[in-house]
């Protein structure tokens, strides 16, 4: 997979913002085809950070049923990665691509 298309953006929630400050843990939205190896390589090459741990979670979509069996998709499914940086690594800045 092309490394520039692996990371789609950050997941901004209260929990993810708390984890950034405490233990250098970042939550990122990634491509559905991305693997742990792809994510680690993309972060190393594009942002020059050292990753110690990568965890992947698939978030299911949310569907609303109305009428006679008709459905409407309110939220599409996506994949997110929770990454932990090494203590010696610099902080992750997604706006500054190398």
N, C-alpha and C. Protein backbone atom coordinates (compact mmCIF):
# COMPACT_ATOMS: atom_id res chain seq x y z
N UNK A 1 0.84 -1.18 0.00
CA UNK A 1 0.00 0.00 0.00
C UNK A 1 0.89 1.25 0.00
N UNK A 2 0.46 2.28 -0.72
CA UNK A 2 1.22 3.52 -0.78
C UNK A 2 1.18 4.22 0.57
N UNK A 3 2.34 4.57 1.10
CA UNK A 3 2.44 5.08 2.47
C UNK A 3 1.78 6.44 2.67
N UNK A 4 1.64 7.23 1.61
CA UNK A 4 1.00 8.53 1.77
C UNK A 4 -0.51 8.42 1.93
N UNK A 5 -1.08 7.27 1.62
CA UNK A 5 -2.54 7.07 1.73
C UNK A 5 -2.94 6.25 2.95
N UNK A 6 -2.00 5.93 3.80
CA UNK A 6 -2.29 5.10 4.97
C UNK A 6 -3.00 5.89 6.06
N UNK A 7 -2.47 7.04 6.43
CA UNK A 7 -3.02 7.84 7.53
C UNK A 7 -3.98 8.86 6.97
N UNK A 8 -5.24 8.81 7.44
CA UNK A 8 -6.27 9.72 6.94
C UNK A 8 -6.42 10.94 7.82
N UNK A 9 -6.16 10.82 9.12
CA UNK A 9 -6.28 11.97 10.00
C UNK A 9 -6.40 11.56 11.44
N UNK A 10 -6.44 12.53 12.35
CA UNK A 10 -6.56 12.20 13.77
C UNK A 10 -8.01 11.96 14.17
N UNK A 11 -8.18 11.21 15.24
CA UNK A 11 -9.49 11.07 15.88
C UNK A 11 -9.48 12.00 17.08
N UNK A 12 -10.35 12.99 17.07
CA UNK A 12 -10.34 14.01 18.12
C UNK A 12 -11.51 13.77 19.07
N UNK A 13 -11.19 13.21 20.23
CA UNK A 13 -12.16 13.02 21.30
C UNK A 13 -11.50 13.45 22.61
N UNK A 14 -12.28 13.52 23.67
CA UNK A 14 -11.71 13.89 24.96
C UNK A 14 -10.68 12.86 25.43
N UNK A 15 -11.01 11.61 25.22
CA UNK A 15 -10.11 10.54 25.66
C UNK A 15 -8.79 10.57 24.87
N UNK A 16 -8.87 10.74 23.56
CA UNK A 16 -7.64 10.75 22.77
C UNK A 16 -6.77 11.96 23.09
N UNK A 17 -7.37 13.09 23.42
CA UNK A 17 -6.59 14.27 23.79
C UNK A 17 -5.90 14.08 25.14
N UNK A 18 -6.55 13.40 26.07
CA UNK A 18 -5.94 13.09 27.38
C UNK A 18 -4.75 12.16 27.21
N UNK A 19 -4.87 11.18 26.33
CA UNK A 19 -3.80 10.21 26.14
C UNK A 19 -2.57 10.81 25.47
N UNK A 20 -2.75 11.84 24.67
CA UNK A 20 -1.61 12.50 24.02
C UNK A 20 -0.67 13.08 25.05
N UNK A 21 -1.22 13.73 26.04
CA UNK A 21 -0.41 14.43 27.04
C UNK A 21 0.25 13.44 27.98
N UNK A 22 -0.48 12.44 28.44
CA UNK A 22 0.03 11.55 29.47
C UNK A 22 1.13 10.62 29.02
N UNK A 23 0.84 9.77 28.05
CA UNK A 23 1.80 8.71 27.73
C UNK A 23 2.12 8.61 26.24
N UNK A 24 2.03 9.72 25.51
CA UNK A 24 2.37 9.77 24.08
C UNK A 24 1.62 8.71 23.27
N UNK A 25 0.32 8.62 23.49
CA UNK A 25 -0.52 7.69 22.75
C UNK A 25 -1.43 8.51 21.84
N UNK A 26 -1.41 8.20 20.56
CA UNK A 26 -2.19 8.94 19.57
C UNK A 26 -3.20 8.02 18.91
N UNK A 27 -4.37 8.56 18.59
CA UNK A 27 -5.41 7.83 17.90
C UNK A 27 -5.57 8.42 16.51
N UNK A 28 -5.41 7.57 15.49
CA UNK A 28 -5.45 8.03 14.11
C UNK A 28 -6.48 7.23 13.31
N UNK A 29 -7.11 7.90 12.36
CA UNK A 29 -7.98 7.22 11.42
C UNK A 29 -7.12 6.77 10.25
N UNK A 30 -7.21 5.49 9.89
CA UNK A 30 -6.35 4.94 8.84
C UNK A 30 -7.20 4.29 7.75
N UNK A 31 -6.55 3.99 6.63
CA UNK A 31 -7.24 3.35 5.51
C UNK A 31 -7.68 1.94 5.89
N UNK A 32 -8.75 1.47 5.27
CA UNK A 32 -9.29 0.15 5.60
C UNK A 32 -8.34 -0.98 5.23
N UNK A 33 -7.48 -0.79 4.23
CA UNK A 33 -6.56 -1.83 3.81
C UNK A 33 -5.23 -1.78 4.56
N UNK A 34 -5.03 -0.79 5.42
CA UNK A 34 -3.75 -0.61 6.10
C UNK A 34 -3.52 -1.68 7.15
N UNK A 35 -2.28 -2.12 7.27
CA UNK A 35 -1.89 -3.09 8.28
C UNK A 35 -1.01 -2.38 9.32
N UNK A 36 -0.69 -3.10 10.38
CA UNK A 36 0.18 -2.53 11.42
C UNK A 36 1.56 -2.17 10.86
N UNK A 37 2.05 -3.00 9.98
CA UNK A 37 3.36 -2.76 9.37
C UNK A 37 3.32 -1.50 8.50
N UNK A 38 2.23 -1.33 7.74
CA UNK A 38 2.08 -0.13 6.91
C UNK A 38 2.01 1.13 7.75
N UNK A 39 1.27 1.09 8.84
CA UNK A 39 1.11 2.26 9.71
C UNK A 39 2.44 2.64 10.34
N UNK A 40 3.16 1.66 10.84
CA UNK A 40 4.46 1.92 11.46
C UNK A 40 5.45 2.50 10.44
N UNK A 41 5.47 1.95 9.22
CA UNK A 41 6.37 2.44 8.19
C UNK A 41 6.00 3.86 7.74
N UNK A 42 4.72 4.14 7.63
CA UNK A 42 4.28 5.48 7.21
C UNK A 42 4.64 6.52 8.25
N UNK A 43 4.46 6.21 9.52
CA UNK A 43 4.81 7.17 10.58
C UNK A 43 6.31 7.41 10.64
N UNK A 44 7.09 6.37 10.43
CA UNK A 44 8.54 6.51 10.46
C UNK A 44 9.03 7.34 9.27
N UNK A 45 8.51 7.07 8.10
CA UNK A 45 8.99 7.74 6.89
C UNK A 45 8.45 9.16 6.75
N UNK A 46 7.16 9.37 7.03
CA UNK A 46 6.56 10.68 6.78
C UNK A 46 6.72 11.66 7.93
N UNK A 47 6.71 11.15 9.18
CA UNK A 47 6.73 12.05 10.34
C UNK A 47 7.96 11.88 11.22
N UNK A 48 8.81 10.92 10.91
CA UNK A 48 10.07 10.69 11.61
C UNK A 48 9.88 10.51 13.11
N UNK A 49 8.98 9.59 13.49
CA UNK A 49 8.76 9.25 14.89
C UNK A 49 8.99 7.76 15.07
N UNK A 50 9.37 7.36 16.29
CA UNK A 50 9.60 5.95 16.61
C UNK A 50 8.37 5.39 17.31
N UNK A 51 7.76 4.38 16.71
CA UNK A 51 6.54 3.77 17.24
C UNK A 51 6.90 2.49 17.98
N UNK A 52 6.39 2.34 19.20
CA UNK A 52 6.64 1.13 19.96
C UNK A 52 5.48 0.15 19.88
N UNK A 53 4.25 0.66 19.74
CA UNK A 53 3.08 -0.22 19.77
C UNK A 53 2.01 0.31 18.82
N UNK A 54 1.38 -0.59 18.07
CA UNK A 54 0.27 -0.24 17.18
C UNK A 54 -0.88 -1.19 17.46
N UNK A 55 -2.03 -0.62 17.77
CA UNK A 55 -3.25 -1.42 17.95
C UNK A 55 -4.29 -0.92 16.96
N UNK A 56 -5.04 -1.84 16.37
CA UNK A 56 -6.01 -1.50 15.33
C UNK A 56 -7.41 -1.89 15.80
N UNK A 57 -8.36 -0.99 15.54
CA UNK A 57 -9.75 -1.23 15.90
C UNK A 57 -10.61 -0.93 14.68
N UNK A 58 -11.54 -1.81 14.38
CA UNK A 58 -12.53 -1.56 13.33
C UNK A 58 -13.79 -1.04 14.00
N UNK A 59 -14.22 0.15 13.59
CA UNK A 59 -15.42 0.76 14.15
C UNK A 59 -16.55 0.51 13.17
N UNK A 60 -17.61 -0.11 13.65
CA UNK A 60 -18.74 -0.45 12.80
C UNK A 60 -19.58 0.76 12.45
N UNK A 61 -20.29 0.67 11.36
CA UNK A 61 -21.17 1.74 10.95
C UNK A 61 -22.45 1.74 11.77
N UNK A 62 -23.19 2.83 11.64
CA UNK A 62 -24.45 2.95 12.37
C UNK A 62 -25.56 3.07 11.34
N UNK A 63 -26.54 2.17 11.43
CA UNK A 63 -27.62 2.12 10.45
C UNK A 63 -28.94 2.40 11.13
N UNK A 64 -29.77 3.19 10.48
CA UNK A 64 -31.11 3.48 11.00
C UNK A 64 -32.11 2.86 10.06
N UNK A 65 -33.05 2.12 10.64
CA UNK A 65 -34.09 1.46 9.85
C UNK A 65 -35.37 2.29 9.95
N UNK A 66 -35.96 2.57 8.81
CA UNK A 66 -37.23 3.30 8.81
C UNK A 66 -38.07 2.79 7.65
N UNK A 67 -39.37 2.91 7.80
CA UNK A 67 -40.27 2.46 6.75
C UNK A 67 -40.34 0.95 6.68
N UNK A 68 -40.58 0.47 5.50
CA UNK A 68 -40.73 -0.97 5.27
C UNK A 68 -39.41 -1.60 4.87
N UNK A 69 -38.54 -1.77 5.84
CA UNK A 69 -37.27 -2.43 5.58
C UNK A 69 -36.22 -1.56 4.93
N UNK A 70 -36.49 -0.27 4.81
CA UNK A 70 -35.49 0.62 4.22
C UNK A 70 -34.50 1.05 5.30
N UNK A 71 -33.26 1.24 4.90
CA UNK A 71 -32.23 1.63 5.85
C UNK A 71 -31.51 2.88 5.37
N UNK A 72 -30.96 3.59 6.35
CA UNK A 72 -30.16 4.77 6.06
C UNK A 72 -28.88 4.65 6.88
N UNK A 73 -27.76 4.85 6.24
CA UNK A 73 -26.50 4.73 6.94
C UNK A 73 -26.12 6.08 7.52
N UNK A 74 -26.08 6.18 8.86
CA UNK A 74 -25.79 7.43 9.53
C UNK A 74 -24.29 7.65 9.74
N UNK A 75 -23.56 6.56 9.91
CA UNK A 75 -22.12 6.66 10.09
C UNK A 75 -21.47 5.47 9.38
N UNK A 76 -20.52 5.75 8.53
CA UNK A 76 -19.86 4.69 7.77
C UNK A 76 -18.82 3.99 8.64
N UNK A 77 -18.58 2.71 8.39
CA UNK A 77 -17.55 1.99 9.14
C UNK A 77 -16.16 2.50 8.76
N UNK A 78 -15.24 2.48 9.73
CA UNK A 78 -13.87 2.91 9.46
C UNK A 78 -12.93 2.15 10.37
N UNK A 79 -11.64 2.33 10.12
CA UNK A 79 -10.59 1.67 10.89
C UNK A 79 -9.76 2.74 11.58
N UNK A 80 -9.47 2.53 12.87
CA UNK A 80 -8.61 3.47 13.58
C UNK A 80 -7.47 2.72 14.23
N UNK A 81 -6.37 3.43 14.41
CA UNK A 81 -5.18 2.85 15.00
C UNK A 81 -4.79 3.67 16.22
N UNK A 82 -4.46 2.97 17.29
CA UNK A 82 -3.96 3.61 18.50
C UNK A 82 -2.47 3.29 18.55
N UNK A 83 -1.66 4.34 18.44
CA UNK A 83 -0.21 4.15 18.40
C UNK A 83 0.43 4.74 19.64
N UNK A 84 1.49 4.11 20.07
CA UNK A 84 2.25 4.60 21.23
C UNK A 84 3.66 4.88 20.77
N UNK A 85 4.14 6.07 21.07
CA UNK A 85 5.49 6.47 20.68
C UNK A 85 6.48 6.14 21.78
N UNK A 86 7.73 5.96 21.39
CA UNK A 86 8.77 5.70 22.38
C UNK A 86 9.02 6.97 23.19
N UNK A 87 9.52 6.82 24.41
CA UNK A 87 9.77 8.00 25.25
C UNK A 87 10.80 8.97 24.66
N UNK A 88 11.74 8.47 23.87
CA UNK A 88 12.76 9.31 23.27
C UNK A 88 12.28 10.03 22.00
N UNK A 89 11.16 9.58 21.44
CA UNK A 89 10.66 10.12 20.19
C UNK A 89 10.05 11.52 20.40
N UNK A 90 10.11 12.31 19.35
CA UNK A 90 9.46 13.63 19.42
C UNK A 90 7.95 13.45 19.30
N UNK A 91 7.20 14.51 19.61
CA UNK A 91 5.74 14.42 19.55
C UNK A 91 5.30 14.38 18.09
N UNK A 92 4.15 13.78 17.87
CA UNK A 92 3.63 13.61 16.52
C UNK A 92 2.88 14.87 16.10
N UNK A 93 3.32 15.49 15.01
CA UNK A 93 2.66 16.66 14.44
C UNK A 93 2.20 16.29 13.05
N UNK A 94 0.89 16.07 12.88
CA UNK A 94 0.36 15.61 11.61
C UNK A 94 0.38 16.68 10.53
N UNK A 95 0.60 17.94 10.91
CA UNK A 95 0.62 19.00 9.91
C UNK A 95 1.99 19.16 9.25
N UNK A 96 3.02 18.64 9.88
CA UNK A 96 4.39 18.77 9.36
C UNK A 96 4.85 17.45 8.75
N UNK A 97 4.65 17.29 7.45
CA UNK A 97 5.09 16.08 6.77
C UNK A 97 6.50 16.28 6.29
N UNK A 98 7.33 15.24 6.48
CA UNK A 98 8.75 15.31 6.11
C UNK A 98 8.93 15.27 4.62
